[in-house]
Amino acid sequence: MTIPHASRPRRGRSRAMNRFWADRAGVAALVLLGVVLLFGALSLVWTPYDPTAQSLADRVSSPSSAHWLGTDNTGRDILSRLMQATWTATYASLLALVIALVGGVGVGLLAGYFRGPVDRLLSQLNDVLMSLPPLLFAVGIIGALGPSLRNAMIAIGVLLIPRFFRLTRITTIEVMNEDFVEAARSAGAGAGRIVGRHVVPNILAPLTTQVSFAASVAIVGEASLSFLGLGVQPPTASWGGMTKDGFELLSENGWVIIPPSVILVVTILTLSLLSDSLRDANGR
């Protein structure tokens, strides 16, 4: 039996893509985000200097022809460290998003599909997780596992799970009430086929919007924990760690804090703008 809605998700995605590409602000945000990602990825193959190499003779210097963005308190090249820190932020946000998506979307699909006792139990567990103070919860996980980028992102990823759970659960319930799902069941489709062929394609749009927002939360979380010394550990560069170094040098040279602060703010604003554009394109 042929299910009549088969092309519906593709048509909807096509219209959403057309609306997004017509949004100049959204396209500009996507391009700028791509530039930031390339800037960070370049550090994997090349940086002007070794990001961890110290030169006390050149410490806390302003931008020059030798060091385009100056040097920090131990003479390390800020541009090289900023490139490495950008890749660190990219890796950190991806790690947190994977944890949040696997946990939130997977459990949300179970709750939305089976409903009843399963839904009530999972929703109650989700409410308990949401009631925990985010910072104390993150510090608790890091305290138990030890300070590191991986452990910090585990904490952030777990804290993001409720957002994806609630969104996935609600949209799954909406899709499950559609006529085409009943038609699929009448045609003998099992749970796996219904979820894979009919539910997941119809919840991708709101999830895409949520991913861009969650990425900004993960980046801010990583920077905050690194600023406190609970995330990325020296000598690896991070935006939070570089901001902390610059904060400690404000009285000596105010320039050091500017590069990491600017790229952090620009990235967060870019992700926020991209999230708004995706939401508008998807009609949500």
Protein backbone atom coordinates (compact mmCIF):
# COMPACT_ATOMS: atom_id res chain seq x y z
CA MET A 1 0.00 0.00 0.00
CA THR A 2 1.33 3.45 -0.90
CA ILE A 3 1.15 6.06 1.82
CA PRO A 4 -0.08 9.33 0.28
CA HIS A 5 2.05 11.60 2.45
CA ALA A 6 5.37 10.14 1.32
CA SER A 7 6.60 13.34 -0.34
CA ARG A 8 5.21 15.65 2.31
CA PRO A 9 8.40 16.04 4.41
CA ARG A 10 10.47 16.68 1.28
CA ARG A 11 8.05 19.35 0.05
CA GLY A 12 8.03 20.97 3.48
CA ARG A 13 11.83 20.98 3.68
CA SER A 14 12.05 22.44 0.20
CA ARG A 15 9.76 25.34 1.12
CA ALA A 16 11.66 25.92 4.36
CA MET A 17 14.99 25.98 2.50
CA ASN A 18 13.65 28.49 -0.01
CA ARG A 19 12.46 30.75 2.81
CA PHE A 20 15.82 30.44 4.56
CA TRP A 21 17.89 31.30 1.48
CA ALA A 22 15.65 34.33 0.94
CA ASP A 23 16.55 35.56 4.43
CA ARG A 24 19.70 37.64 3.98
CA ALA A 25 20.39 37.83 7.70
CA GLY A 26 20.19 34.06 8.04
CA VAL A 27 22.47 33.46 5.05
CA ALA A 28 24.96 36.02 6.37
CA ALA A 29 24.94 34.28 9.76
CA LEU A 30 25.54 30.90 8.09
CA VAL A 31 28.47 32.29 6.07
CA LEU A 32 30.00 33.96 9.12
CA LEU A 33 29.63 30.76 11.12
CA GLY A 34 31.37 28.88 8.32
CA VAL A 35 34.26 31.36 8.44
CA VAL A 36 34.61 30.85 12.20
CA LEU A 37 34.60 27.06 11.78
CA LEU A 38 37.23 27.22 9.04
CA PHE A 39 39.33 29.51 11.21
CA GLY A 40 39.31 26.90 13.94
CA ALA A 41 39.78 23.91 11.63
CA LEU A 42 42.85 25.56 10.09
CA SER A 43 44.61 25.19 13.45
CA LEU A 44 44.68 21.42 12.90
CA VAL A 45 47.15 21.85 10.04
CA TRP A 46 48.72 25.29 10.52
CA THR A 47 49.14 28.14 12.99
CA PRO A 48 51.54 31.10 12.76
CA TYR A 49 53.32 29.90 15.93
CA ASP A 50 53.11 26.95 18.27
CA PRO A 51 50.08 27.86 20.44
CA THR A 52 51.87 26.61 23.56
CA ALA A 53 55.35 28.05 22.85
CA GLN A 54 56.36 30.66 25.45
CA SER A 55 58.64 33.65 24.98
CA LEU A 56 58.96 35.72 28.13
CA ALA A 57 60.89 38.39 26.22
CA ASP A 58 57.76 39.09 24.16
CA ARG A 59 55.12 38.78 26.92
CA VAL A 60 52.01 40.98 26.88
CA SER A 61 52.88 42.72 23.64
CA SER A 62 50.39 44.65 21.52
CA PRO A 63 49.62 43.68 17.88
CA SER A 64 52.64 43.93 15.60
CA SER A 65 53.94 42.57 12.30
CA ALA A 66 55.45 39.62 14.16
CA HIS A 67 52.35 38.89 16.25
CA TRP A 68 49.22 40.19 14.53
CA LEU A 69 47.09 39.95 17.68
CA GLY A 70 49.87 40.39 20.20
CA THR A 71 51.01 37.97 22.91
CA ASP A 72 49.69 36.90 26.30
CA ASN A 73 51.24 36.87 29.78
CA THR A 74 53.77 34.16 28.88
CA GLY A 75 54.60 35.44 25.39
CA ARG A 76 52.37 32.98 23.50
CA ASP A 77 51.00 34.18 20.17
CA ILE A 78 47.36 35.18 20.66
CA LEU A 79 46.35 34.55 17.04
CA SER A 80 47.67 30.98 17.17
CA ARG A 81 45.96 30.34 20.49
CA LEU A 82 42.73 31.90 19.23
CA MET A 83 42.73 29.51 16.29
CA GLN A 84 43.27 26.55 18.61
CA ALA A 85 40.62 27.84 21.02
CA THR A 86 38.12 28.14 18.18
CA TRP A 87 38.61 24.48 17.30
CA THR A 88 38.32 23.60 20.99
CA ALA A 89 34.95 25.39 21.14
CA THR A 90 33.81 23.61 17.97
CA TYR A 91 34.78 20.20 19.31
CA ALA A 92 33.23 20.96 22.69
CA SER A 93 29.88 22.03 21.24
CA LEU A 94 29.76 18.98 18.97
CA LEU A 95 30.46 16.64 21.89
CA ALA A 96 27.75 18.25 24.03
CA LEU A 97 25.26 18.18 21.14
CA VAL A 98 25.87 14.47 20.47
CA ILE A 99 25.16 13.67 24.13
CA ALA A 100 22.07 15.88 24.18
CA LEU A 101 20.70 14.54 20.87
CA VAL A 102 21.25 10.88 21.69
CA GLY A 103 19.72 11.26 25.12
CA GLY A 104 16.99 13.81 24.45
CA VAL A 105 15.78 12.74 21.01
CA GLY A 106 16.02 9.02 21.71
CA VAL A 107 14.09 9.20 24.97
CA GLY A 108 11.69 11.78 23.57
CA LEU A 109 10.77 9.47 20.70
CA LEU A 110 10.03 6.66 23.17
CA ALA A 111 7.83 8.91 25.30
CA GLY A 112 5.97 10.40 22.35
CA TYR A 113 5.44 7.11 20.54
CA PHE A 114 4.38 4.81 23.38
CA ARG A 115 2.65 7.42 25.60
CA GLY A 116 0.92 6.08 28.73
CA PRO A 117 3.07 4.88 31.65
CA VAL A 118 6.27 5.14 29.60
CA ASP A 119 5.58 8.78 28.81
CA ARG A 120 4.69 9.62 32.42
CA LEU A 121 7.81 7.97 33.83
CA LEU A 122 10.20 9.57 31.34
CA SER A 123 8.54 12.98 31.70
CA GLN A 124 8.89 12.83 35.49
CA LEU A 125 12.57 11.93 35.20
CA ASN A 126 13.01 14.81 32.75
CA ASP A 127 11.32 17.21 35.20
CA VAL A 128 13.70 16.10 37.94
CA LEU A 129 16.69 16.77 35.68
CA MET A 130 15.33 20.21 34.77
CA SER A 131 14.86 21.11 38.43
CA LEU A 132 18.57 20.69 39.20
CA PRO A 133 20.61 23.94 39.43
CA PRO A 134 22.66 23.90 36.18
CA LEU A 135 25.91 25.29 37.56
CA LEU A 136 25.88 23.14 40.71
CA PHE A 137 25.03 20.08 38.63
CA ALA A 138 27.91 20.77 36.22
CA VAL A 139 30.33 21.41 39.08
CA GLY A 140 29.16 18.20 40.75
CA ILE A 141 29.84 16.09 37.64
CA ILE A 142 33.22 17.71 37.10
CA GLY A 143 34.03 17.26 40.78
CA ALA A 144 33.25 13.55 40.53
CA LEU A 145 34.99 12.94 37.20
CA GLY A 146 37.76 15.55 37.37
CA PRO A 147 38.23 18.85 35.50
CA SER A 148 38.66 18.37 31.75
CA LEU A 149 37.02 19.40 28.49
CA ARG A 150 35.37 15.99 28.07
CA ASN A 151 33.87 15.97 31.55
CA ALA A 152 32.70 19.56 31.22
CA MET A 153 30.91 18.71 27.97
CA ILE A 154 29.35 15.62 29.52
CA ALA A 155 27.86 17.93 32.13
CA ILE A 156 26.66 20.45 29.53
CA GLY A 157 25.30 17.70 27.26
CA VAL A 158 23.29 16.15 30.10
CA LEU A 159 21.90 19.58 31.00
CA LEU A 160 20.75 20.04 27.38
CA ILE A 161 18.91 16.69 27.26
CA PRO A 162 15.63 18.06 28.72
CA ARG A 163 15.35 20.67 25.96
CA PHE A 164 15.55 18.04 23.24
CA PHE A 165 13.37 15.61 25.17
CA ARG A 166 10.48 18.07 25.52
CA LEU A 167 10.68 19.23 21.91
CA THR A 168 10.95 15.68 20.53
CA ARG A 169 8.14 14.38 22.74
CA ILE A 170 5.72 17.16 21.78
CA THR A 171 6.43 17.01 18.04
CA THR A 172 6.30 13.20 18.05
CA ILE A 173 2.87 13.27 19.69
CA GLU A 174 1.69 15.76 17.06
CA VAL A 175 2.91 13.56 14.23
CA MET A 176 1.47 10.40 15.79
CA ASN A 177 -1.98 12.02 15.69
CA GLU A 178 -1.77 12.61 11.94
CA ASP A 179 -3.86 10.56 9.51
CA PHE A 180 -0.85 9.34 7.55
CA VAL A 181 0.49 7.54 10.64
CA GLU A 182 -2.82 5.72 11.00
CA ALA A 183 -2.62 4.86 7.31
CA ALA A 184 0.87 3.46 7.84
CA ARG A 185 -0.33 1.34 10.74
CA SER A 186 -3.24 0.06 8.65
CA ALA A 187 -0.73 -0.92 5.99
CA GLY A 188 1.07 -3.10 8.54
CA ALA A 189 4.04 -0.82 9.30
CA GLY A 190 5.82 -1.57 12.57
CA ALA A 191 7.14 0.86 15.17
CA GLY A 192 10.60 1.07 13.59
CA ARG A 193 9.23 1.88 10.15
CA ILE A 194 6.75 4.43 11.44
CA VAL A 195 9.38 6.23 13.49
CA GLY A 196 12.07 6.10 10.79
CA ARG A 197 9.91 6.85 7.75
CA HIS A 198 7.19 9.09 9.14
CA VAL A 199 8.02 10.54 12.56
CA VAL A 200 11.70 11.48 12.29
CA PRO A 201 11.44 13.30 8.91
CA ASN A 202 8.59 15.42 10.30
CA ILE A 203 10.41 16.50 13.47
CA LEU A 204 13.73 17.41 11.85
CA ALA A 205 12.79 21.05 11.24
CA PRO A 206 12.18 22.06 14.87
CA LEU A 207 15.18 19.97 15.95
CA THR A 208 17.42 21.88 13.54
CA THR A 209 16.38 25.15 15.14
CA GLN A 210 17.00 23.74 18.60
CA VAL A 211 20.46 22.47 17.64
CA SER A 212 21.70 25.94 16.69
CA PHE A 213 20.42 27.34 19.99
CA ALA A 214 21.88 24.45 22.00
CA ALA A 215 25.26 24.95 20.30
CA SER A 216 25.42 28.50 21.65
CA VAL A 217 24.52 27.24 25.13
CA ALA A 218 27.28 24.62 24.93
CA ILE A 219 29.85 27.20 23.82
CA VAL A 220 28.93 29.59 26.63
CA GLY A 221 28.97 26.70 29.10
CA GLU A 222 32.40 25.53 27.99
CA ALA A 223 33.80 29.07 28.10
CA SER A 224 32.34 29.68 31.56
CA LEU A 225 33.68 26.43 33.01
CA SER A 226 37.09 27.00 31.40
CA PHE A 227 37.13 30.53 32.84
CA LEU A 228 36.62 28.95 36.28
CA GLY A 229 39.36 26.38 35.62
CA LEU A 230 36.92 23.46 35.43
CA GLY A 231 36.93 22.91 31.67
CA VAL A 232 39.84 22.98 29.24
CA GLN A 233 43.11 22.61 31.11
CA PRO A 234 46.32 24.51 30.24
CA PRO A 235 48.25 24.65 28.03
CA THR A 236 45.38 23.91 25.59
CA ALA A 237 43.74 27.16 24.52
CA SER A 238 40.06 27.93 25.04
CA TRP A 239 38.02 31.11 24.73
CA GLY A 240 37.19 31.00 28.44
CA GLY A 241 40.78 30.41 29.47
CA MET A 242 42.07 33.18 27.21
CA THR A 243 39.43 35.55 28.56
CA LYS A 244 40.53 34.71 32.11
CA ASP A 245 44.17 35.42 31.20
CA GLY A 246 43.14 38.73 29.66
CA PHE A 247 41.03 39.64 32.69
CA GLU A 248 44.03 39.14 34.96
CA LEU A 249 46.09 41.46 32.72
CA LEU A 250 43.58 44.32 32.42
CA SER A 251 45.72 46.69 34.46
CA GLU A 252 48.83 45.84 32.42
CA ASN A 253 47.46 45.57 28.88
CA GLY A 254 43.73 45.72 28.14
CA TRP A 255 44.19 44.40 24.60
CA VAL A 256 44.76 40.75 25.61
CA ILE A 257 41.13 40.22 26.63
CA ILE A 258 39.65 41.66 23.42
CA PRO A 259 40.30 38.91 20.78
CA PRO A 260 38.75 35.97 22.70
CA SER A 261 35.88 38.11 23.96
CA VAL A 262 35.04 39.42 20.49
CA ILE A 263 35.06 36.04 18.75
CA LEU A 264 32.99 34.51 21.57
CA VAL A 265 30.36 37.25 21.38
CA VAL A 266 30.29 37.21 17.56
CA THR A 267 29.86 33.42 17.48
CA ILE A 268 27.02 33.47 20.04
CA LEU A 269 25.22 36.28 18.20
CA THR A 270 25.71 34.45 14.89
CA LEU A 271 24.22 31.23 16.28
CA SER A 272 21.33 33.17 17.81
CA LEU A 273 20.59 34.89 14.50
CA LEU A 274 20.86 31.59 12.65
CA SER A 275 18.46 29.98 15.11
CA ASP A 276 15.92 32.78 14.59
CA SER A 277 16.22 32.47 10.81
CA LEU A 278 15.76 28.71 10.89
CA ARG A 279 12.72 29.10 13.15
CA ASP A 280 11.17 31.63 10.78
CA ALA A 281 11.95 29.45 7.75
CA ASN A 282 10.33 26.45 9.41
CA GLY A 283 7.30 28.47 10.39
CA ARG A 284 7.80 27.85 14.13
